[in-house]
Amino acid sequence: MESTHAIKALAALAQEHRLAVFRLLVAQGPTGLPAGEIAKTIGISASGMSFHLAQLEHAGLVRSWRRQRRIYYAVEIENVRRLLAFLTQDCCQGRPDICGDIGALAQVCGPEEA
């Protein structure tokens, strides 16, 4: 991952509602949630949610798809893994006895299901 991609992702997460959406979608996993349900859970208007979801999608942290009249969103787990790897690649000069195996955190979730 390049620094510019990491900066874009971190900037997208540096807002209260977007961080809450991201955490909600990480907990939900690859099945995702409809935009309306996300807005209701987070407690903001549909138009506000649309803006925040677009920012997260533009940063590569979530993906969307249409199912009938609903738009669903789910975390882009591979991009999240790349971000975590980028942020932790040089942790403690590669000494897990100091910082633990932070790199393994990116492997906790299984590969995204088709």
C-alpha atoms as a PDB file:
ATOM      1  CA  MET A   1       0.000   0.000   0.000  1.00  0.00           C
ATOM      2  CA  GLU A   2       1.229   3.471  -0.826  1.00  0.00           C
ATOM      3  CA  SER A   3       1.230   6.281   1.700  1.00  0.00           C
ATOM      4  CA  THR A   4      -1.370   8.218  -0.295  1.00  0.00           C
ATOM      5  CA  HIS A   5      -3.861   5.330  -0.011  1.00  0.00           C
ATOM      6  CA  ALA A   6      -3.231   4.981   3.718  1.00  0.00           C
ATOM      7  CA  ILE A   7      -3.699   8.721   4.225  1.00  0.00           C
ATOM      8  CA  LYS A   8      -6.983   8.659   2.290  1.00  0.00           C
ATOM      9  CA  ALA A   9      -8.260   5.732   4.388  1.00  0.00           C
ATOM     10  CA  LEU A  10      -7.203   7.277   7.683  1.00  0.00           C
ATOM     11  CA  ALA A  11      -8.724  10.630   6.708  1.00  0.00           C
ATOM     12  CA  ALA A  12     -12.024   8.874   5.953  1.00  0.00           C
ATOM     13  CA  LEU A  13     -11.976   7.259   9.389  1.00  0.00           C
ATOM     14  CA  ALA A  14     -11.145  10.529  11.147  1.00  0.00           C
ATOM     15  CA  GLN A  15     -14.794  11.459  11.621  1.00  0.00           C
ATOM     16  CA  GLU A  16     -17.154  10.209  14.320  1.00  0.00           C
ATOM     17  CA  HIS A  17     -19.982   8.875  12.117  1.00  0.00           C
ATOM     18  CA  ARG A  18     -17.691   7.287   9.523  1.00  0.00           C
ATOM     19  CA  LEU A  19     -15.689   5.564  12.251  1.00  0.00           C
ATOM     20  CA  ALA A  20     -18.929   4.251  13.772  1.00  0.00           C
ATOM     21  CA  VAL A  21     -20.098   2.994  10.358  1.00  0.00           C
ATOM     22  CA  PHE A  22     -16.762   1.312   9.723  1.00  0.00           C
ATOM     23  CA  ARG A  23     -16.819  -0.447  13.083  1.00  0.00           C
ATOM     24  CA  LEU A  24     -20.420  -1.544  12.525  1.00  0.00           C
ATOM     25  CA  LEU A  25     -19.575  -2.983   9.111  1.00  0.00           C
ATOM     26  CA  VAL A  26     -16.443  -4.717  10.406  1.00  0.00           C
ATOM     27  CA  ALA A  27     -18.594  -6.404  13.045  1.00  0.00           C
ATOM     28  CA  GLN A  28     -21.179  -7.365  10.409  1.00  0.00           C
ATOM     29  CA  GLY A  29     -18.638  -8.996   8.088  1.00  0.00           C
ATOM     30  CA  PRO A  30     -18.987  -9.703   4.362  1.00  0.00           C
ATOM     31  CA  THR A  31     -22.789  -9.892   4.364  1.00  0.00           C
ATOM     32  CA  GLY A  32     -23.007  -6.152   4.984  1.00  0.00           C
ATOM     33  CA  LEU A  33     -26.059  -4.076   5.811  1.00  0.00           C
ATOM     34  CA  PRO A  34     -28.519  -1.950   3.844  1.00  0.00           C
ATOM     35  CA  ALA A  35     -27.783   1.778   3.921  1.00  0.00           C
ATOM     36  CA  GLY A  36     -31.062   2.546   5.700  1.00  0.00           C
ATOM     37  CA  GLU A  37     -30.304   0.121   8.504  1.00  0.00           C
ATOM     38  CA  ILE A  38     -26.827   1.586   8.894  1.00  0.00           C
ATOM     39  CA  ALA A  39     -28.289   5.104   9.151  1.00  0.00           C
ATOM     40  CA  LYS A  40     -30.856   3.968  11.713  1.00  0.00           C
ATOM     41  CA  THR A  41     -28.231   2.175  13.814  1.00  0.00           C
ATOM     42  CA  ILE A  42     -25.828   5.122  13.752  1.00  0.00           C
ATOM     43  CA  GLY A  43     -28.638   7.600  14.293  1.00  0.00           C
ATOM     44  CA  ILE A  44     -28.221  10.015  11.402  1.00  0.00           C
ATOM     45  CA  SER A  45     -30.327  11.001   8.394  1.00  0.00           C
ATOM     46  CA  ALA A  46     -30.300   8.978   5.186  1.00  0.00           C
ATOM     47  CA  SER A  47     -28.764  11.873   3.245  1.00  0.00           C
ATOM     48  CA  GLY A  48     -26.038  12.308   5.854  1.00  0.00           C
ATOM     49  CA  MET A  49     -25.370   8.590   5.802  1.00  0.00           C
ATOM     50  CA  SER A  50     -25.131   8.623   2.025  1.00  0.00           C
ATOM     51  CA  PHE A  51     -22.361  11.225   2.236  1.00  0.00           C
ATOM     52  CA  HIS A  52     -20.400   9.267   4.851  1.00  0.00           C
ATOM     53  CA  LEU A  53     -20.756   5.950   3.023  1.00  0.00           C
ATOM     54  CA  ALA A  54     -19.533   7.592  -0.190  1.00  0.00           C
ATOM     55  CA  GLN A  55     -16.456   8.861   1.653  1.00  0.00           C
ATOM     56  CA  LEU A  56     -15.681   5.399   3.034  1.00  0.00           C
ATOM     57  CA  GLU A  57     -16.228   3.812  -0.366  1.00  0.00           C
ATOM     58  CA  HIS A  58     -14.020   6.391  -2.082  1.00  0.00           C
ATOM     59  CA  ALA A  59     -11.271   5.560   0.435  1.00  0.00           C
ATOM     60  CA  GLY A  60     -11.596   1.860  -0.418  1.00  0.00           C
ATOM     61  CA  LEU A  61     -12.752   0.826   3.047  1.00  0.00           C
ATOM     62  CA  VAL A  62     -16.248  -0.330   2.074  1.00  0.00           C
ATOM     63  CA  ARG A  63     -17.958  -1.630  -1.055  1.00  0.00           C
ATOM     64  CA  SER A  64     -21.555  -1.374  -2.151  1.00  0.00           C
ATOM     65  CA  TRP A  65     -23.976  -3.369  -4.258  1.00  0.00           C
ATOM     66  CA  ARG A  66     -27.622  -3.140  -5.141  1.00  0.00           C
ATOM     67  CA  ARG A  67     -30.113  -5.841  -4.253  1.00  0.00           C
ATOM     68  CA  GLN A  68     -33.526  -4.911  -5.649  1.00  0.00           C
ATOM     69  CA  ARG A  69     -34.285  -1.443  -4.246  1.00  0.00           C
ATOM     70  CA  ARG A  70     -31.737  -1.536  -1.435  1.00  0.00           C
ATOM     71  CA  ILE A  71     -28.069  -0.607  -1.494  1.00  0.00           C
ATOM     72  CA  TYR A  72     -25.919  -2.729   0.773  1.00  0.00           C
ATOM     73  CA  TYR A  73     -22.512  -1.876   2.176  1.00  0.00           C
ATOM     74  CA  ALA A  74     -19.812  -4.149   3.570  1.00  0.00           C
ATOM     75  CA  VAL A  75     -16.242  -3.702   4.697  1.00  0.00           C
ATOM     76  CA  GLU A  76     -13.532  -4.181   2.028  1.00  0.00           C
ATOM     77  CA  ILE A  77     -11.547  -6.590   4.169  1.00  0.00           C
ATOM     78  CA  GLU A  78      -8.580  -6.949   1.804  1.00  0.00           C
ATOM     79  CA  ASN A  79      -8.020  -3.192   1.791  1.00  0.00           C
ATOM     80  CA  VAL A  80      -8.345  -3.107   5.582  1.00  0.00           C
ATOM     81  CA  ARG A  81      -5.715  -5.849   5.787  1.00  0.00           C
ATOM     82  CA  ARG A  82      -3.412  -3.843   3.532  1.00  0.00           C
ATOM     83  CA  LEU A  83      -3.901  -0.779   5.718  1.00  0.00           C
ATOM     84  CA  LEU A  84      -3.143  -2.707   8.916  1.00  0.00           C
ATOM     85  CA  ALA A  85      -0.075  -4.292   7.331  1.00  0.00           C
ATOM     86  CA  PHE A  86       1.136  -0.896   6.129  1.00  0.00           C
ATOM     87  CA  LEU A  87       0.690   0.656   9.570  1.00  0.00           C
ATOM     88  CA  THR A  88       2.426  -2.168  11.429  1.00  0.00           C
ATOM     89  CA  GLN A  89       5.020  -3.477   8.986  1.00  0.00           C
ATOM     90  CA  ASP A  90       7.992  -2.105  10.950  1.00  0.00           C
ATOM     91  CA  CYS A  91       6.576  -2.512  14.450  1.00  0.00           C
ATOM     92  CA  CYS A  92       9.352  -2.848  17.014  1.00  0.00           C
ATOM     93  CA  GLN A  93      11.818  -3.667  14.247  1.00  0.00           C
ATOM     94  CA  GLY A  94      10.070  -6.985  13.696  1.00  0.00           C
ATOM     95  CA  ARG A  95      10.461  -8.161  17.303  1.00  0.00           C
ATOM     96  CA  PRO A  96       7.202  -9.785  18.438  1.00  0.00           C
ATOM     97  CA  ASP A  97       8.655 -10.222  21.938  1.00  0.00           C
ATOM     98  CA  ILE A  98       8.271  -6.439  22.360  1.00  0.00           C
ATOM     99  CA  CYS A  99       5.056  -5.572  20.541  1.00  0.00           C
ATOM    100  CA  GLY A 100       3.444  -8.966  20.010  1.00  0.00           C
ATOM    101  CA  ASP A 101       2.535 -10.301  16.622  1.00  0.00           C
ATOM    102  CA  ILE A 102       0.596  -7.250  15.441  1.00  0.00           C
ATOM    103  CA  GLY A 103       0.875  -8.450  11.841  1.00  0.00           C
ATOM    104  CA  ALA A 104      -1.322 -11.411  12.757  1.00  0.00           C
ATOM    105  CA  LEU A 105      -4.197  -9.028  13.513  1.00  0.00           C
ATOM    106  CA  ALA A 106      -4.719  -8.546   9.802  1.00  0.00           C
ATOM    107  CA  GLN A 107      -5.173 -12.299   9.420  1.00  0.00           C
ATOM    108  CA  VAL A 108      -7.886 -12.693  12.057  1.00  0.00           C
ATOM    109  CA  CYS A 109     -10.735 -12.416   9.537  1.00  0.00           C
ATOM    110  CA  GLY A 110     -10.926 -15.097   6.903  1.00  0.00           C
ATOM    111  CA  PRO A 111     -10.872 -14.270   3.211  1.00  0.00           C
ATOM    112  CA  GLU A 112     -13.914 -12.475   1.920  1.00  0.00           C
ATOM    113  CA  GLU A 113     -16.634 -14.821   0.750  1.00  0.00           C
ATOM    114  CA  ALA A 114     -17.812 -14.588  -2.808  1.00  0.00           C
END
